[in-house]
Amino acid sequence: MQLGAAKSLVGVTKYDKLMLPTEFGDLPVIGDYLDLNYELLYQAHPTAVIVFMSAERVPPRLRELAQTEGFEVHNLKLDTIADLYTTTEALGRMAGCPDTASARVAATRGELAEIQAQYASRTPQPRVAYIIGRNPLMLVGHGVFLDELITLAGGHNVGAELGQGWPVTNRERLLQLQPDVLLIGTPGEPPAQAEDPRLAPWLRDSTPAARNQRIYLHTDPNGQLLTLDIAQQARELARNIHGASR
């Protein structure tokens, strides 16, 4: 959608279905990461099928169908900001809009560079913990786009101390990290209200974030997705990291 190329779609996943405008509501749901409907895929007659999975997880049957039906399987990676740029350019080529894709990448690079320059000289950097899952407790770790955005917005991601990706931890370890700012991902939930009960358990902890009431809900439905709107995400992170109101 962000490239204006949705008209090229002949099938979607169940997750895409929730994000597409109503005029694309009749597109068949081909499947998801775990399950593909090969009959629907065959009927859709695609020229390209896009997947996001480790190479060993690509189903052999999908590769076989690609050979017999003459479509290409593009296994893309979308973990870091660099991946976003590469994937956007690749999708632009597939959809026949390479110039649009390049322009969107350039614009996103420019916006992020401006945000980075705005906060680069701020010291000390607030220690930030971003909870991306609550059962089990999971933080944003090192080497993923939210880690990059926290750093770009002038914060120090303490979750990176626990490892790569999305490390699972516990409440005791979170307390030891002593975050100055605690971000809680609640995509799609209502925005925080005064005396919000969702914040109460975290406000009782012995962390600088709790003492200074620097705990924020991130309720944007797309706030944990790597899209061309990441500059907006970076700005929201910066507002929270540097003391704007909830």
Protein backbone atom coordinates (compact mmCIF):
# COMPACT_ATOMS: atom_id res chain seq x y z
CA MET A 1 0.00 0.00 0.00
CA GLN A 2 2.79 2.43 0.83
CA LEU A 3 4.10 2.11 -2.72
CA GLY A 4 0.68 2.46 -4.32
CA ALA A 5 1.08 -0.99 -5.84
CA ALA A 6 -1.74 -2.92 -4.14
CA LYS A 7 -3.40 -3.38 -7.52
CA SER A 8 -0.65 -5.93 -8.27
CA LEU A 9 -1.87 -8.25 -5.51
CA VAL A 10 -3.70 -11.45 -6.42
CA GLY A 11 -3.66 -12.94 -2.90
CA VAL A 12 -2.77 -11.98 0.66
CA THR A 13 -2.10 -13.44 4.09
CA LYS A 14 -4.64 -13.29 6.89
CA TYR A 15 -2.59 -10.50 8.48
CA ASP A 16 -2.57 -8.39 5.31
CA LYS A 17 -6.34 -8.71 5.11
CA LEU A 18 -6.71 -6.57 8.23
CA MET A 19 -4.62 -3.72 6.78
CA LEU A 20 -5.97 -3.43 3.22
CA PRO A 21 -8.68 -0.96 2.16
CA THR A 22 -12.16 -2.36 1.61
CA GLU A 23 -11.78 -2.36 -2.18
CA PHE A 24 -9.28 -5.20 -1.81
CA GLY A 25 -11.54 -7.22 0.47
CA ASP A 26 -12.22 -9.90 -2.14
CA LEU A 27 -8.59 -10.95 -2.49
CA PRO A 28 -8.15 -14.60 -1.49
CA VAL A 29 -6.31 -15.37 1.74
CA ILE A 30 -3.56 -17.70 0.57
CA GLY A 31 -2.22 -18.49 4.03
CA ASP A 32 0.32 -17.35 6.58
CA TYR A 33 3.77 -18.17 7.91
CA LEU A 34 2.71 -21.62 9.08
CA ASP A 35 0.17 -22.73 6.50
CA LEU A 36 -0.43 -22.20 2.77
CA ASN A 37 -3.53 -23.01 0.75
CA TYR A 38 -1.90 -24.38 -2.39
CA GLU A 39 -5.18 -24.73 -4.24
CA LEU A 40 -5.94 -21.02 -3.82
CA LEU A 41 -2.35 -20.19 -4.70
CA TYR A 42 -2.64 -22.19 -7.92
CA GLN A 43 -5.93 -20.48 -8.81
CA ALA A 44 -4.45 -17.01 -8.23
CA HIS A 45 -1.82 -17.47 -11.00
CA PRO A 46 0.84 -15.25 -9.39
CA THR A 47 4.04 -14.27 -11.15
CA ALA A 48 5.79 -13.78 -7.80
CA VAL A 49 5.21 -15.10 -4.28
CA ILE A 50 6.73 -13.19 -1.37
CA VAL A 51 7.61 -14.98 1.87
CA PHE A 52 9.45 -13.92 5.02
CA MET A 53 11.02 -17.00 6.61
CA SER A 54 14.33 -18.71 7.19
CA ALA A 55 15.52 -20.58 4.11
CA GLU A 56 15.02 -24.00 5.68
CA ARG A 57 11.38 -23.17 6.46
CA VAL A 58 10.40 -22.49 2.84
CA PRO A 59 8.08 -25.43 2.01
CA PRO A 60 9.44 -27.79 -0.67
CA ARG A 61 5.92 -27.95 -2.13
CA LEU A 62 6.00 -24.18 -2.70
CA ARG A 63 9.29 -24.47 -4.57
CA GLU A 64 7.88 -27.34 -6.65
CA LEU A 65 4.76 -25.37 -7.53
CA ALA A 66 6.90 -22.39 -8.49
CA GLN A 67 8.77 -24.55 -10.99
CA THR A 68 5.68 -26.12 -12.54
CA GLU A 69 3.63 -22.88 -12.66
CA GLY A 70 6.45 -20.54 -13.58
CA PHE A 71 6.39 -18.04 -10.71
CA GLU A 72 9.28 -16.80 -8.60
CA VAL A 73 9.56 -17.19 -4.83
CA HIS A 74 11.11 -14.13 -3.19
CA ASN A 75 12.21 -14.82 0.38
CA LEU A 76 12.73 -11.39 1.91
CA LYS A 77 14.24 -10.35 5.23
CA LEU A 78 12.75 -7.58 7.35
CA ASP A 79 14.58 -7.24 10.67
CA THR A 80 16.59 -4.02 10.41
CA ILE A 81 16.20 -0.59 8.85
CA ALA A 82 18.67 -1.62 6.15
CA ASP A 83 16.40 -4.59 5.40
CA LEU A 84 13.48 -2.19 4.98
CA TYR A 85 15.33 -0.25 2.32
CA THR A 86 16.43 -3.39 0.46
CA THR A 87 12.96 -4.94 0.64
CA THR A 88 11.24 -1.74 -0.51
CA GLU A 89 13.50 -1.55 -3.56
CA ALA A 90 12.86 -5.23 -4.32
CA LEU A 91 9.09 -4.84 -4.00
CA GLY A 92 9.22 -1.77 -6.24
CA ARG A 93 10.93 -3.78 -8.96
CA MET A 94 8.42 -6.64 -8.64
CA ALA A 95 5.42 -4.30 -8.76
CA GLY A 96 6.73 -2.22 -11.65
CA CYS A 97 7.24 0.97 -9.63
CA PRO A 98 11.00 1.11 -8.95
CA ASP A 99 11.15 4.91 -9.06
CA THR A 100 8.40 5.23 -6.44
CA ALA A 101 10.19 2.76 -4.21
CA SER A 102 13.50 4.57 -4.53
CA ALA A 103 11.84 7.90 -3.74
CA ARG A 104 10.17 6.50 -0.62
CA VAL A 105 13.46 5.02 0.57
CA ALA A 106 15.26 8.32 0.03
CA ALA A 107 12.55 10.23 1.91
CA THR A 108 12.64 7.80 4.83
CA ARG A 109 16.44 7.97 5.01
CA GLY A 110 16.24 11.76 5.10
CA GLU A 111 13.63 11.86 7.87
CA LEU A 112 15.57 9.43 10.04
CA ALA A 113 18.80 11.37 9.49
CA GLU A 114 17.08 14.55 10.69
CA ILE A 115 15.79 12.83 13.84
CA GLN A 116 19.20 11.31 14.54
CA ALA A 117 20.90 14.68 14.17
CA GLN A 118 18.38 16.27 16.53
CA TYR A 119 19.20 13.88 19.40
CA ALA A 120 22.81 12.90 18.67
CA SER A 121 24.36 15.39 21.10
CA ARG A 122 22.02 14.80 24.03
CA THR A 123 23.77 13.33 27.06
CA PRO A 124 23.40 11.31 29.11
CA GLN A 125 21.29 8.94 27.07
CA PRO A 126 18.26 7.71 29.04
CA ARG A 127 18.27 3.96 29.67
CA VAL A 128 15.27 2.54 27.83
CA ALA A 129 13.56 -0.85 28.14
CA TYR A 130 10.92 -1.72 25.55
CA ILE A 131 8.62 -4.59 26.52
CA ILE A 132 7.38 -6.20 23.33
CA GLY A 133 5.73 -9.21 24.97
CA ARG A 134 4.35 -9.72 28.46
CA ASN A 135 3.71 -13.46 28.67
CA PRO A 136 6.53 -14.38 28.66
CA LEU A 137 8.27 -11.09 29.36
CA MET A 138 10.17 -10.18 26.22
CA LEU A 139 12.27 -7.10 25.50
CA VAL A 140 13.58 -5.47 22.36
CA GLY A 141 17.14 -6.74 22.09
CA HIS A 142 20.14 -5.95 19.93
CA GLY A 143 20.19 -5.83 16.14
CA VAL A 144 16.51 -5.25 15.33
CA PHE A 145 14.83 -2.14 13.99
CA LEU A 146 13.26 -1.05 17.29
CA ASP A 147 16.71 -1.20 18.89
CA GLU A 148 17.99 0.98 16.05
CA LEU A 149 15.10 3.44 16.46
CA ILE A 150 15.66 3.77 20.22
CA THR A 151 19.34 4.56 19.59
CA LEU A 152 18.50 6.94 16.75
CA ALA A 153 16.02 8.75 19.03
CA GLY A 154 18.72 9.37 21.64
CA GLY A 155 18.15 6.46 24.01
CA HIS A 156 20.26 3.55 25.27
CA ASN A 157 18.40 0.28 24.79
CA VAL A 158 19.12 -1.78 27.92
CA GLY A 159 17.40 -4.78 26.35
CA ALA A 160 20.38 -5.03 24.00
CA GLU A 161 22.40 -6.15 27.02
CA LEU A 162 20.34 -9.36 27.08
CA GLY A 163 21.15 -10.45 23.54
CA GLN A 164 20.01 -10.36 19.93
CA GLY A 165 16.47 -10.09 18.65
CA TRP A 166 13.68 -10.35 21.21
CA PRO A 167 15.23 -11.84 24.39
CA VAL A 168 12.95 -13.45 26.95
CA THR A 169 13.64 -12.32 30.51
CA ASN A 170 11.92 -11.99 33.89
CA ARG A 171 10.80 -9.22 36.21
CA GLU A 172 13.86 -9.54 38.44
CA ARG A 173 16.26 -9.04 35.52
CA LEU A 174 14.21 -6.09 34.29
CA LEU A 175 14.56 -4.45 37.70
CA GLN A 176 18.33 -5.02 37.58
CA LEU A 177 18.50 -3.17 34.26
CA GLN A 178 17.16 -0.04 36.02
CA PRO A 179 15.55 1.63 33.01
CA ASP A 180 14.95 5.38 33.13
CA VAL A 181 12.15 4.92 30.61
CA LEU A 182 9.90 1.88 30.25
CA LEU A 183 7.97 1.43 27.01
CA ILE A 184 5.23 -1.18 26.85
CA GLY A 185 4.06 -2.32 23.46
CA THR A 186 0.27 -2.73 23.40
CA PRO A 187 -0.50 -2.46 19.66
CA GLY A 188 -4.16 -1.90 18.89
CA GLU A 189 -5.20 -1.22 22.49
CA PRO A 190 -6.79 2.09 23.59
CA PRO A 191 -4.37 4.93 24.44
CA ALA A 192 -3.31 5.36 28.05
CA GLN A 193 -5.66 7.22 30.38
CA ALA A 194 -5.15 8.89 33.74
CA GLU A 195 -4.58 6.26 36.45
CA ASP A 196 -4.48 3.61 33.74
CA PRO A 197 -4.58 0.13 35.37
CA ARG A 198 -2.28 -1.23 32.66
CA LEU A 199 0.51 0.99 34.00
CA ALA A 200 -0.12 0.33 37.71
CA PRO A 201 1.94 -2.90 38.10
CA TRP A 202 4.98 -1.31 36.50
CA LEU A 203 4.69 1.91 38.50
CA ARG A 204 5.11 -0.09 41.72
CA ASP A 205 8.55 -1.37 40.68
CA SER A 206 11.80 0.01 42.07
CA THR A 207 13.11 1.49 38.84
CA PRO A 208 13.92 5.07 37.90
CA ALA A 209 11.15 4.80 35.30
CA ALA A 210 8.61 4.02 38.02
CA ARG A 211 9.87 6.64 40.46
CA ASN A 212 9.71 9.35 37.82
CA GLN A 213 6.51 8.02 36.17
CA ARG A 214 8.29 7.57 32.85
CA ILE A 215 6.29 4.53 31.74
CA TYR A 216 4.42 4.69 28.44
CA LEU A 217 2.07 2.50 26.45
CA HIS A 218 2.73 2.25 22.72
CA THR A 219 -0.70 1.50 21.31
CA ASP A 220 -0.20 2.24 17.61
CA PRO A 221 -1.54 -0.86 15.77
CA ASN A 222 1.49 -0.72 13.46
CA GLY A 223 3.98 0.36 16.12
CA GLN A 224 5.85 -2.93 16.10
CA LEU A 225 5.90 -3.31 12.31
CA LEU A 226 8.82 -2.29 10.14
CA THR A 227 7.25 -0.06 7.48
CA LEU A 228 8.02 3.15 5.64
CA ASP A 229 6.30 4.99 8.50
CA ILE A 230 9.22 4.32 10.85
CA ALA A 231 10.09 8.02 11.08
CA GLN A 232 6.76 8.53 12.84
CA GLN A 233 7.63 5.70 15.22
CA ALA A 234 11.04 7.27 15.89
CA ARG A 235 9.46 10.61 16.74
CA GLU A 236 7.06 9.01 19.21
CA LEU A 237 9.93 7.12 20.83
CA ALA A 238 11.92 10.35 21.11
CA ARG A 239 9.01 12.15 22.78
CA ASN A 240 8.75 9.42 25.40
CA ILE A 241 12.49 8.97 25.89
CA HIS A 242 13.07 12.66 26.47
CA GLY A 243 10.14 13.41 28.71
CA ALA A 244 7.04 14.33 26.74
CA SER A 245 3.69 13.52 28.31
CA ARG A 246 1.97 10.19 27.82
